[in-house]
Amino acid sequence: MNSEPLARERKLTVGYSPCPNDTFIFHALVKSKIDTRGYSFEPVCEDIETLNRWAFERRIPMTKISFHAYGALRADHALLTSGSALGRGCGPLLVARDAATAIRLERARVAIPGRWTSAALLLRLFAPQLRAEQLIEIPFHQILEKTARGEVDAGLIIHESRFTYGDRGLVSLVDLGEWWETETGQPIPLGGIIADRRLGRKPIIQIQEALRDSVRHARENPRDSASYVKEHAQELSDEVVRAHIDLYVNDFTEDLGEEGLRAIEVLFKAAEDKGILAPYNGSLTVLV
């Protein structure tokens, strides 16, 4: 990908998931309801682990990504300070059919929503005794069903599954976000928006400003994006959609600020100390 044509054409592909929090914050950007700084944005909606893997291939110049994956891509991609899913009380849950599974965790087969998800990283930090062969990659929307049917011993759930696992007769073994907050005192970083550094500093800052305006528009005009959000979340009730947005869209989404950036650095340092991520000494953003 050549950055000069991208900057000259001022047309960018942007990847994000069909989850309500993503479609909510990107709606105004891709529909040009705010000042897009002269850019037009072509959306591609995919599962988060697909976006993670595409980021390693640098297929999309601007994309949603799990912070776990971004930790391995810091040298090639800049983190935008708007658009992140980061906060408190919003971490992934480890669920099972019965609480006794927690005792047998060292032998359990655990469904994870993708190798590069932040949920998988948190699980590895929480339970380093788990071996690679115990972690079974399954699309996130299938984890509840396969756990309830006993095809795996436990499931690591994200997104709207937090609100529906009880309907499947499952119990929560551990809230990994709560564990992380207790261990570190930091909010939990889940996912963020990154831009390929080949775009250049000025275009990345312009894109970042446009995205911040999109987030603000969404928060100030929540009804404006309702049909767009529902279009991508057809199987979810209005109540779950609203709860999902309320949980994952907050002040950090509008601007990470020093506290949000510090939380991300703490997560990366923990992963580096465990040998999960390689050390990186550069800046996460293009603002320095």
C-alpha atoms as a PDB file:
ATOM      1  CA  MET A   1       0.000   0.000   0.000  1.00  0.00           C
ATOM      2  CA  ASN A   2       1.395   3.416  -1.001  1.00  0.00           C
ATOM      3  CA  SER A   3       0.518   6.233   1.405  1.00  0.00           C
ATOM      4  CA  GLU A   4       0.766   9.064  -1.155  1.00  0.00           C
ATOM      5  CA  PRO A   5      -2.108   7.898  -3.392  1.00  0.00           C
ATOM      6  CA  LEU A   6      -4.220   7.244  -0.306  1.00  0.00           C
ATOM      7  CA  ALA A   7      -3.630  10.742   0.995  1.00  0.00           C
ATOM      8  CA  ARG A   8      -4.183  12.304  -2.437  1.00  0.00           C
ATOM      9  CA  GLU A   9      -7.397  10.450  -3.189  1.00  0.00           C
ATOM     10  CA  ARG A  10      -8.672  11.125   0.319  1.00  0.00           C
ATOM     11  CA  LYS A  11     -10.711   7.947   0.207  1.00  0.00           C
ATOM     12  CA  LEU A  12     -10.079   5.356   2.892  1.00  0.00           C
ATOM     13  CA  THR A  13     -11.389   1.921   3.724  1.00  0.00           C
ATOM     14  CA  VAL A  14     -12.219   1.584   7.411  1.00  0.00           C
ATOM     15  CA  GLY A  15     -12.794  -1.742   9.138  1.00  0.00           C
ATOM     16  CA  TYR A  16     -14.958  -2.297  12.184  1.00  0.00           C
ATOM     17  CA  SER A  17     -17.155  -5.003  13.642  1.00  0.00           C
ATOM     18  CA  PRO A  18     -20.952  -5.166  13.284  1.00  0.00           C
ATOM     19  CA  CYS A  19     -21.249  -4.905  17.075  1.00  0.00           C
ATOM     20  CA  PRO A  20     -23.487  -2.050  18.281  1.00  0.00           C
ATOM     21  CA  ASN A  21     -20.719  -0.006  19.884  1.00  0.00           C
ATOM     22  CA  ASP A  22     -18.727   0.080  16.627  1.00  0.00           C
ATOM     23  CA  THR A  23     -21.604   0.843  14.269  1.00  0.00           C
ATOM     24  CA  PHE A  24     -22.813   3.455  16.762  1.00  0.00           C
ATOM     25  CA  ILE A  25     -19.555   5.429  16.791  1.00  0.00           C
ATOM     26  CA  PHE A  26     -18.727   5.032  13.084  1.00  0.00           C
ATOM     27  CA  HIS A  27     -22.166   5.875  11.702  1.00  0.00           C
ATOM     28  CA  ALA A  28     -21.649   9.628  11.405  1.00  0.00           C
ATOM     29  CA  LEU A  29     -18.178   9.140   9.899  1.00  0.00           C
ATOM     30  CA  VAL A  30     -19.126   6.745   7.107  1.00  0.00           C
ATOM     31  CA  LYS A  31     -22.380   8.586   6.371  1.00  0.00           C
ATOM     32  CA  SER A  32     -20.585  11.973   6.297  1.00  0.00           C
ATOM     33  CA  LYS A  33     -22.811  13.496   8.951  1.00  0.00           C
ATOM     34  CA  ILE A  34     -19.840  15.341  10.403  1.00  0.00           C
ATOM     35  CA  ASP A  35     -16.855  17.199   8.959  1.00  0.00           C
ATOM     36  CA  THR A  36     -14.785  14.354   7.507  1.00  0.00           C
ATOM     37  CA  ARG A  37     -11.810  16.657   6.791  1.00  0.00           C
ATOM     38  CA  GLY A  38     -12.225  16.035   3.084  1.00  0.00           C
ATOM     39  CA  TYR A  39     -12.053  12.237   3.355  1.00  0.00           C
ATOM     40  CA  SER A  40     -14.655   9.688   2.366  1.00  0.00           C
ATOM     41  CA  PHE A  41     -14.762   6.417   4.264  1.00  0.00           C
ATOM     42  CA  GLU A  42     -15.712   3.043   2.816  1.00  0.00           C
ATOM     43  CA  PRO A  43     -16.783   0.680   5.627  1.00  0.00           C
ATOM     44  CA  VAL A  44     -15.938  -3.007   5.852  1.00  0.00           C
ATOM     45  CA  CYS A  45     -17.690  -4.837   8.694  1.00  0.00           C
ATOM     46  CA  GLU A  46     -16.118  -8.059   9.898  1.00  0.00           C
ATOM     47  CA  ASP A  47     -15.673 -10.113  13.054  1.00  0.00           C
ATOM     48  CA  ILE A  48     -12.981  -8.641  15.308  1.00  0.00           C
ATOM     49  CA  GLU A  49     -10.592 -11.567  14.905  1.00  0.00           C
ATOM     50  CA  THR A  50     -10.822 -11.250  11.131  1.00  0.00           C
ATOM     51  CA  LEU A  51      -9.918  -7.575  11.457  1.00  0.00           C
ATOM     52  CA  ASN A  52      -7.046  -8.512  13.766  1.00  0.00           C
ATOM     53  CA  ARG A  53      -5.601 -10.906  11.203  1.00  0.00           C
ATOM     54  CA  TRP A  54      -6.075  -8.452   8.354  1.00  0.00           C
ATOM     55  CA  ALA A  55      -4.177  -5.830  10.346  1.00  0.00           C
ATOM     56  CA  PHE A  56      -1.129  -8.110  10.332  1.00  0.00           C
ATOM     57  CA  GLU A  57      -1.390  -8.103   6.527  1.00  0.00           C
ATOM     58  CA  ARG A  58      -1.911  -4.296   6.481  1.00  0.00           C
ATOM     59  CA  ARG A  59      -4.959  -4.826   4.300  1.00  0.00           C
ATOM     60  CA  ILE A  60      -6.972  -1.871   5.647  1.00  0.00           C
ATOM     61  CA  PRO A  61      -5.405   1.540   6.367  1.00  0.00           C
ATOM     62  CA  MET A  62      -7.767   2.281   9.281  1.00  0.00           C
ATOM     63  CA  THR A  63      -9.344  -0.443  11.374  1.00  0.00           C
ATOM     64  CA  LYS A  64     -10.750  -1.556  14.686  1.00  0.00           C
ATOM     65  CA  ILE A  65      -8.382  -3.958  16.407  1.00  0.00           C
ATOM     66  CA  SER A  66      -8.027  -5.833  19.674  1.00  0.00           C
ATOM     67  CA  PHE A  67      -5.374  -4.298  21.899  1.00  0.00           C
ATOM     68  CA  HIS A  68      -3.706  -7.714  22.092  1.00  0.00           C
ATOM     69  CA  ALA A  69      -3.151  -7.633  18.327  1.00  0.00           C
ATOM     70  CA  TYR A  70      -2.161  -3.979  18.380  1.00  0.00           C
ATOM     71  CA  GLY A  71       0.546  -4.796  20.895  1.00  0.00           C
ATOM     72  CA  ALA A  72       2.277  -6.787  18.159  1.00  0.00           C
ATOM     73  CA  LEU A  73       1.748  -4.092  15.518  1.00  0.00           C
ATOM     74  CA  ARG A  74       2.790  -0.917  17.312  1.00  0.00           C
ATOM     75  CA  ALA A  75       5.741  -0.223  15.026  1.00  0.00           C
ATOM     76  CA  ASP A  76       3.629  -0.218  11.836  1.00  0.00           C
ATOM     77  CA  HIS A  77       0.372   1.293  13.106  1.00  0.00           C
ATOM     78  CA  ALA A  78      -0.572   4.340  15.150  1.00  0.00           C
ATOM     79  CA  LEU A  79      -3.333   4.233  17.735  1.00  0.00           C
ATOM     80  CA  LEU A  80      -6.060   6.842  17.312  1.00  0.00           C
ATOM     81  CA  THR A  81      -7.010   8.494  20.588  1.00  0.00           C
ATOM     82  CA  SER A  82     -10.722   8.208  19.769  1.00  0.00           C
ATOM     83  CA  GLY A  83     -12.881   5.166  19.121  1.00  0.00           C
ATOM     84  CA  SER A  84     -11.532   2.783  21.754  1.00  0.00           C
ATOM     85  CA  ALA A  85     -13.472   0.302  23.862  1.00  0.00           C
ATOM     86  CA  LEU A  86     -11.848   0.768  27.248  1.00  0.00           C
ATOM     87  CA  GLY A  87     -13.369   1.147  30.675  1.00  0.00           C
ATOM     88  CA  ARG A  88     -14.421  -0.480  33.898  1.00  0.00           C
ATOM     89  CA  GLY A  89     -16.912  -3.273  34.394  1.00  0.00           C
ATOM     90  CA  CYS A  90     -16.750  -4.245  30.723  1.00  0.00           C
ATOM     91  CA  GLY A  91     -14.222  -7.074  30.596  1.00  0.00           C
ATOM     92  CA  PRO A  92     -14.664 -10.577  29.144  1.00  0.00           C
ATOM     93  CA  LEU A  93     -16.206 -13.341  31.229  1.00  0.00           C
ATOM     94  CA  LEU A  94     -15.141 -16.957  31.563  1.00  0.00           C
ATOM     95  CA  VAL A  95     -18.341 -19.019  31.726  1.00  0.00           C
ATOM     96  CA  ALA A  96     -19.202 -22.698  32.109  1.00  0.00           C
ATOM     97  CA  ARG A  97     -22.113 -25.009  32.787  1.00  0.00           C
ATOM     98  CA  ASP A  98     -21.115 -25.348  36.439  1.00  0.00           C
ATOM     99  CA  ALA A  99     -18.847 -23.500  38.857  1.00  0.00           C
ATOM    100  CA  ALA A 100     -16.758 -26.638  39.491  1.00  0.00           C
ATOM    101  CA  THR A 101     -15.052 -26.062  36.146  1.00  0.00           C
ATOM    102  CA  ALA A 102     -12.966 -23.363  37.814  1.00  0.00           C
ATOM    103  CA  ILE A 103     -11.338 -26.039  39.970  1.00  0.00           C
ATOM    104  CA  ARG A 104     -10.545 -28.141  36.912  1.00  0.00           C
ATOM    105  CA  LEU A 105      -9.299 -25.233  34.791  1.00  0.00           C
ATOM    106  CA  GLU A 106      -5.835 -26.732  34.317  1.00  0.00           C
ATOM    107  CA  ARG A 107      -7.439 -29.592  32.364  1.00  0.00           C
ATOM    108  CA  ALA A 108     -10.299 -27.678  30.744  1.00  0.00           C
ATOM    109  CA  ARG A 109     -10.844 -27.077  27.047  1.00  0.00           C
ATOM    110  CA  VAL A 110     -11.634 -23.379  26.769  1.00  0.00           C
ATOM    111  CA  ALA A 111     -13.280 -21.713  23.782  1.00  0.00           C
ATOM    112  CA  ILE A 112     -11.724 -18.340  22.971  1.00  0.00           C
ATOM    113  CA  PRO A 113     -12.984 -15.779  20.411  1.00  0.00           C
ATOM    114  CA  GLY A 114      -9.653 -15.632  18.614  1.00  0.00           C
ATOM    115  CA  ARG A 115      -5.942 -15.882  19.335  1.00  0.00           C
ATOM    116  CA  TRP A 116      -5.362 -12.126  19.017  1.00  0.00           C
ATOM    117  CA  THR A 117      -8.347 -10.892  21.001  1.00  0.00           C
ATOM    118  CA  SER A 118      -7.728  -8.953  24.200  1.00  0.00           C
ATOM    119  CA  ALA A 119      -9.928 -11.507  25.939  1.00  0.00           C
ATOM    120  CA  ALA A 120      -7.418 -14.238  25.048  1.00  0.00           C
ATOM    121  CA  LEU A 121      -4.569 -12.101  26.337  1.00  0.00           C
ATOM    122  CA  LEU A 122      -6.329 -11.488  29.649  1.00  0.00           C
ATOM    123  CA  LEU A 123      -7.018 -15.207  30.010  1.00  0.00           C
ATOM    124  CA  ARG A 124      -3.334 -16.002  29.475  1.00  0.00           C
ATOM    125  CA  LEU A 125      -2.350 -13.426  32.088  1.00  0.00           C
ATOM    126  CA  PHE A 126      -4.956 -14.740  34.540  1.00  0.00           C
ATOM    127  CA  ALA A 127      -4.279 -18.449  33.982  1.00  0.00           C
ATOM    128  CA  PRO A 128      -0.734 -18.917  32.632  1.00  0.00           C
ATOM    129  CA  GLN A 129      -1.020 -22.638  33.402  1.00  0.00           C
ATOM    130  CA  LEU A 130      -3.328 -23.090  30.413  1.00  0.00           C
ATOM    131  CA  ARG A 131      -1.557 -24.735  27.479  1.00  0.00           C
ATOM    132  CA  ALA A 132      -1.987 -23.664  23.876  1.00  0.00           C
ATOM    133  CA  GLU A 133      -3.769 -26.899  22.963  1.00  0.00           C
ATOM    134  CA  GLN A 134      -6.444 -26.195  25.592  1.00  0.00           C
ATOM    135  CA  LEU A 135      -7.493 -22.966  23.882  1.00  0.00           C
ATOM    136  CA  ILE A 136      -9.995 -23.628  21.106  1.00  0.00           C
ATOM    137  CA  GLU A 137     -10.601 -20.763  18.686  1.00  0.00           C
ATOM    138  CA  ILE A 138     -14.303 -20.372  17.932  1.00  0.00           C
ATOM    139  CA  PRO A 139     -16.193 -17.386  16.447  1.00  0.00           C
ATOM    140  CA  PHE A 140     -17.451 -15.347  19.390  1.00  0.00           C
ATOM    141  CA  HIS A 141     -21.127 -15.733  18.479  1.00  0.00           C
ATOM    142  CA  GLN A 142     -20.858 -19.562  18.685  1.00  0.00           C
ATOM    143  CA  ILE A 143     -19.129 -19.796  22.054  1.00  0.00           C
ATOM    144  CA  LEU A 144     -22.260 -19.731  24.219  1.00  0.00           C
ATOM    145  CA  GLU A 145     -23.928 -22.516  22.257  1.00  0.00           C
ATOM    146  CA  LYS A 146     -20.885 -24.774  22.205  1.00  0.00           C
ATOM    147  CA  THR A 147     -20.253 -24.229  25.911  1.00  0.00           C
ATOM    148  CA  ALA A 148     -23.878 -24.942  26.813  1.00  0.00           C
ATOM    149  CA  ARG A 149     -23.788 -28.139  24.724  1.00  0.00           C
ATOM    150  CA  GLY A 150     -20.627 -29.336  26.454  1.00  0.00           C
ATOM    151  CA  GLU A 151     -18.452 -29.256  23.335  1.00  0.00           C
ATOM    152  CA  VAL A 152     -15.962 -27.266  25.418  1.00  0.00           C
ATOM    153  CA  ASP A 153     -15.583 -27.076  29.185  1.00  0.00           C
ATOM    154  CA  ALA A 154     -15.632 -23.295  29.407  1.00  0.00           C
ATOM    155  CA  GLY A 155     -16.115 -20.325  27.131  1.00  0.00           C
ATOM    156  CA  LEU A 156     -14.499 -16.917  27.079  1.00  0.00           C
ATOM    157  CA  ILE A 157     -17.244 -14.494  26.079  1.00  0.00           C
ATOM    158  CA  ILE A 158     -17.201 -10.929  24.808  1.00  0.00           C
ATOM    159  CA  HIS A 159     -19.604  -8.400  23.316  1.00  0.00           C
ATOM    160  CA  GLU A 160     -23.335  -8.962  23.833  1.00  0.00           C
ATOM    161  CA  SER A 161     -22.786 -12.485  25.193  1.00  0.00           C
ATOM    162  CA  ARG A 162     -22.198 -10.795  28.563  1.00  0.00           C
ATOM    163  CA  PHE A 163     -25.912 -10.050  28.679  1.00  0.00           C
ATOM    164  CA  THR A 164     -27.274 -13.397  27.508  1.00  0.00           C
ATOM    165  CA  TYR A 165     -25.112 -16.214  28.924  1.00  0.00           C
ATOM    166  CA  GLY A 166     -27.528 -16.797  31.801  1.00  0.00           C
ATOM    167  CA  ASP A 167     -30.271 -17.601  29.296  1.00  0.00           C
ATOM    168  CA  ARG A 168     -28.187 -20.645  28.284  1.00  0.00           C
ATOM    169  CA  GLY A 169     -27.950 -21.894  31.861  1.00  0.00           C
ATOM    170  CA  LEU A 170     -24.285 -20.891  32.136  1.00  0.00           C
ATOM    171  CA  VAL A 171     -22.523 -19.412  35.153  1.00  0.00           C
ATOM    172  CA  SER A 172     -19.656 -16.951  35.324  1.00  0.00           C
ATOM    173  CA  LEU A 173     -16.410 -18.393  36.677  1.00  0.00           C
ATOM    174  CA  VAL A 174     -14.479 -15.133  36.601  1.00  0.00           C
ATOM    175  CA  ASP A 175     -14.899 -11.613  35.317  1.00  0.00           C
ATOM    176  CA  LEU A 176     -11.477 -10.979  33.784  1.00  0.00           C
ATOM    177  CA  GLY A 177     -12.060  -7.252  33.616  1.00  0.00           C
ATOM    178  CA  GLU A 178     -12.820  -7.135  37.320  1.00  0.00           C
ATOM    179  CA  TRP A 179      -9.742  -9.274  38.004  1.00  0.00           C
ATOM    180  CA  TRP A 180      -7.581  -6.912  35.943  1.00  0.00           C
ATOM    181  CA  GLU A 181      -8.941  -3.824  37.692  1.00  0.00           C
ATOM    182  CA  THR A 182      -8.257  -5.382  41.096  1.00  0.00           C
ATOM    183  CA  GLU A 183      -4.737  -6.450  40.123  1.00  0.00           C
ATOM    184  CA  THR A 184      -3.666  -3.175  38.497  1.00  0.00           C
ATOM    185  CA  GLY A 185      -6.133  -0.465  39.461  1.00  0.00           C
ATOM    186  CA  GLN A 186      -6.436   0.296  35.748  1.00  0.00           C
ATOM    187  CA  PRO A 187      -9.461   0.259  33.446  1.00  0.00           C
ATOM    188  CA  ILE A 188      -9.429  -2.608  30.983  1.00  0.00           C
ATOM    189  CA  PRO A 189      -8.342  -1.929  27.362  1.00  0.00           C
ATOM    190  CA  LEU A 190     -10.298  -4.093  24.935  1.00  0.00           C
ATOM    191  CA  GLY A 191     -10.063  -2.635  21.457  1.00  0.00           C
ATOM    192  CA  GLY A 192      -9.006   0.508  19.635  1.00  0.00           C
ATOM    193  CA  ILE A 193      -8.814   2.106  16.217  1.00  0.00           C
ATOM    194  CA  ILE A 194      -5.473   2.140  14.421  1.00  0.00           C
ATOM    195  CA  ALA A 195      -4.135   3.732  11.242  1.00  0.00           C
ATOM    196  CA  ASP A 196      -1.282   2.502   9.089  1.00  0.00           C
ATOM    197  CA  ARG A 197       1.710   4.756   9.778  1.00  0.00           C
ATOM    198  CA  ARG A 198       2.391   4.898   6.037  1.00  0.00           C
ATOM    199  CA  LEU A 199      -0.536   7.303   5.754  1.00  0.00           C
ATOM    200  CA  GLY A 200       1.623   9.966   7.362  1.00  0.00           C
ATOM    201  CA  ARG A 201       1.270  12.046  10.512  1.00  0.00           C
ATOM    202  CA  LYS A 202      -0.964  14.821   9.143  1.00  0.00           C
ATOM    203  CA  PRO A 203      -3.573  12.530   7.516  1.00  0.00           C
ATOM    204  CA  ILE A 204      -3.692  10.366  10.638  1.00  0.00           C
ATOM    205  CA  ILE A 205      -4.359  13.413  12.817  1.00  0.00           C
ATOM    206  CA  GLN A 206      -7.100  14.575  10.428  1.00  0.00           C
ATOM    207  CA  ILE A 207      -8.708  11.131  10.471  1.00  0.00           C
ATOM    208  CA  GLN A 208      -8.472  11.057  14.248  1.00  0.00           C
ATOM    209  CA  GLU A 209     -10.213  14.438  14.522  1.00  0.00           C
ATOM    210  CA  ALA A 210     -12.998  13.275  12.223  1.00  0.00           C
ATOM    211  CA  LEU A 211     -13.500  10.093  14.227  1.00  0.00           C
ATOM    212  CA  ARG A 212     -13.672  12.076  17.475  1.00  0.00           C
ATOM    213  CA  ASP A 213     -16.415  14.216  15.939  1.00  0.00           C
ATOM    214  CA  SER A 214     -18.227  11.051  14.883  1.00  0.00           C
ATOM    215  CA  VAL A 215     -18.131   9.690  18.440  1.00  0.00           C
ATOM    216  CA  ARG A 216     -19.378  12.998  19.822  1.00  0.00           C
ATOM    217  CA  HIS A 217     -22.183  13.125  17.266  1.00  0.00           C
ATOM    218  CA  ALA A 218     -23.246   9.600  18.183  1.00  0.00           C
ATOM    219  CA  ARG A 219     -23.326  10.354  21.913  1.00  0.00           C
ATOM    220  CA  GLU A 220     -25.181  13.619  21.450  1.00  0.00           C
ATOM    221  CA  ASN A 221     -27.642  12.220  18.884  1.00  0.00           C
ATOM    222  CA  PRO A 222     -28.144   8.531  19.816  1.00  0.00           C
ATOM    223  CA  ARG A 223     -31.335   8.158  17.742  1.00  0.00           C
ATOM    224  CA  ASP A 224     -29.557   9.269  14.589  1.00  0.00           C
ATOM    225  CA  SER A 225     -27.686   5.971  14.249  1.00  0.00           C
ATOM    226  CA  ALA A 226     -30.456   3.674  15.533  1.00  0.00           C
ATOM    227  CA  SER A 227     -31.459   2.144  12.202  1.00  0.00           C
ATOM    228  CA  TYR A 228     -27.824   1.698  11.115  1.00  0.00           C
ATOM    229  CA  VAL A 229     -26.955  -0.032  14.373  1.00  0.00           C
ATOM    230  CA  LYS A 230     -30.015  -2.267  14.189  1.00  0.00           C
ATOM    231  CA  GLU A 231     -29.270  -3.167  10.569  1.00  0.00           C
ATOM    232  CA  HIS A 232     -26.002  -4.767  11.704  1.00  0.00           C
ATOM    233  CA  ALA A 233     -27.417  -6.312  14.893  1.00  0.00           C
ATOM    234  CA  GLN A 234     -30.622  -7.849  13.597  1.00  0.00           C
ATOM    235  CA  GLU A 235     -30.698 -10.727  16.093  1.00  0.00           C
ATOM    236  CA  LEU A 236     -30.318  -8.504  19.161  1.00  0.00           C
ATOM    237  CA  SER A 237     -33.167  -6.980  21.094  1.00  0.00           C
ATOM    238  CA  ASP A 238     -33.346  -3.222  21.511  1.00  0.00           C
ATOM    239  CA  GLU A 239     -32.569  -3.670  25.202  1.00  0.00           C
ATOM    240  CA  VAL A 240     -29.369  -5.633  24.518  1.00  0.00           C
ATOM    241  CA  VAL A 241     -28.283  -3.141  21.861  1.00  0.00           C
ATOM    242  CA  ARG A 242     -28.736  -0.250  24.276  1.00  0.00           C
ATOM    243  CA  ALA A 243     -26.953  -2.084  27.100  1.00  0.00           C
ATOM    244  CA  HIS A 244     -24.093  -2.953  24.749  1.00  0.00           C
ATOM    245  CA  ILE A 245     -23.583   0.664  23.695  1.00  0.00           C
ATOM    246  CA  ASP A 246     -23.875   1.943  27.260  1.00  0.00           C
ATOM    247  CA  LEU A 247     -21.243  -0.552  28.424  1.00  0.00           C
ATOM    248  CA  TYR A 248     -18.612  -0.028  25.745  1.00  0.00           C
ATOM    249  CA  VAL A 249     -19.021   3.631  24.703  1.00  0.00           C
ATOM    250  CA  ASN A 250     -17.847   6.137  27.291  1.00  0.00           C
ATOM    251  CA  ASP A 251     -15.566   9.142  27.794  1.00  0.00           C
ATOM    252  CA  PHE A 252     -12.522   7.009  26.898  1.00  0.00           C
ATOM    253  CA  THR A 253     -14.157   6.319  23.525  1.00  0.00           C
ATOM    254  CA  GLU A 254     -14.251  10.025  22.808  1.00  0.00           C
ATOM    255  CA  ASP A 255     -10.683  10.586  23.987  1.00  0.00           C
ATOM    256  CA  LEU A 256      -8.364   8.126  25.707  1.00  0.00           C
ATOM    257  CA  GLY A 257      -6.538  10.870  27.560  1.00  0.00           C
ATOM    258  CA  GLU A 258      -3.584  10.173  29.818  1.00  0.00           C
ATOM    259  CA  GLU A 259      -5.503   7.642  31.922  1.00  0.00           C
ATOM    260  CA  GLY A 260      -6.568   5.567  28.934  1.00  0.00           C
ATOM    261  CA  LEU A 261      -3.121   5.568  27.355  1.00  0.00           C
ATOM    262  CA  ARG A 262      -1.593   4.630  30.700  1.00  0.00           C
ATOM    263  CA  ALA A 263      -3.966   1.646  30.997  1.00  0.00           C
ATOM    264  CA  ILE A 264      -2.903   0.407  27.572  1.00  0.00           C
ATOM    265  CA  GLU A 265       0.782   0.751  28.443  1.00  0.00           C
ATOM    266  CA  VAL A 266       0.237  -1.223  31.661  1.00  0.00           C
ATOM    267  CA  LEU A 267      -1.461  -4.029  29.698  1.00  0.00           C
ATOM    268  CA  PHE A 268       1.360  -4.161  27.166  1.00  0.00           C
ATOM    269  CA  LYS A 269       3.996  -4.159  29.926  1.00  0.00           C
ATOM    270  CA  ALA A 270       2.281  -7.111  31.630  1.00  0.00           C
ATOM    271  CA  ALA A 271       2.244  -9.014  28.332  1.00  0.00           C
ATOM    272  CA  GLU A 272       5.883  -8.148  27.658  1.00  0.00           C
ATOM    273  CA  ASP A 273       6.918  -9.330  31.132  1.00  0.00           C
ATOM    274  CA  LYS A 274       5.250 -12.698  30.407  1.00  0.00           C
ATOM    275  CA  GLY A 275       6.910 -12.993  27.005  1.00  0.00           C
ATOM    276  CA  ILE A 276       3.571 -12.745  25.210  1.00  0.00           C
ATOM    277  CA  LEU A 277       4.463  -9.515  23.393  1.00  0.00           C
ATOM    278  CA  ALA A 278       7.844  -8.268  22.217  1.00  0.00           C
ATOM    279  CA  PRO A 279       9.039  -5.024  23.850  1.00  0.00           C
ATOM    280  CA  TYR A 280       8.454  -1.787  21.960  1.00  0.00           C
ATOM    281  CA  ASN A 281       9.963   1.581  22.840  1.00  0.00           C
ATOM    282  CA  GLY A 282       8.169   3.853  20.384  1.00  0.00           C
ATOM    283  CA  SER A 283       5.072   6.008  20.771  1.00  0.00           C
ATOM    284  CA  LEU A 284       1.593   4.481  20.465  1.00  0.00           C
ATOM    285  CA  THR A 285       0.132   7.589  18.806  1.00  0.00           C
ATOM    286  CA  VAL A 286       1.375  10.191  16.330  1.00  0.00           C
ATOM    287  CA  LEU A 287       0.784  13.071  18.738  1.00  0.00           C
ATOM    288  CA  VAL A 288       4.382  13.289  20.021  1.00  0.00           C
END
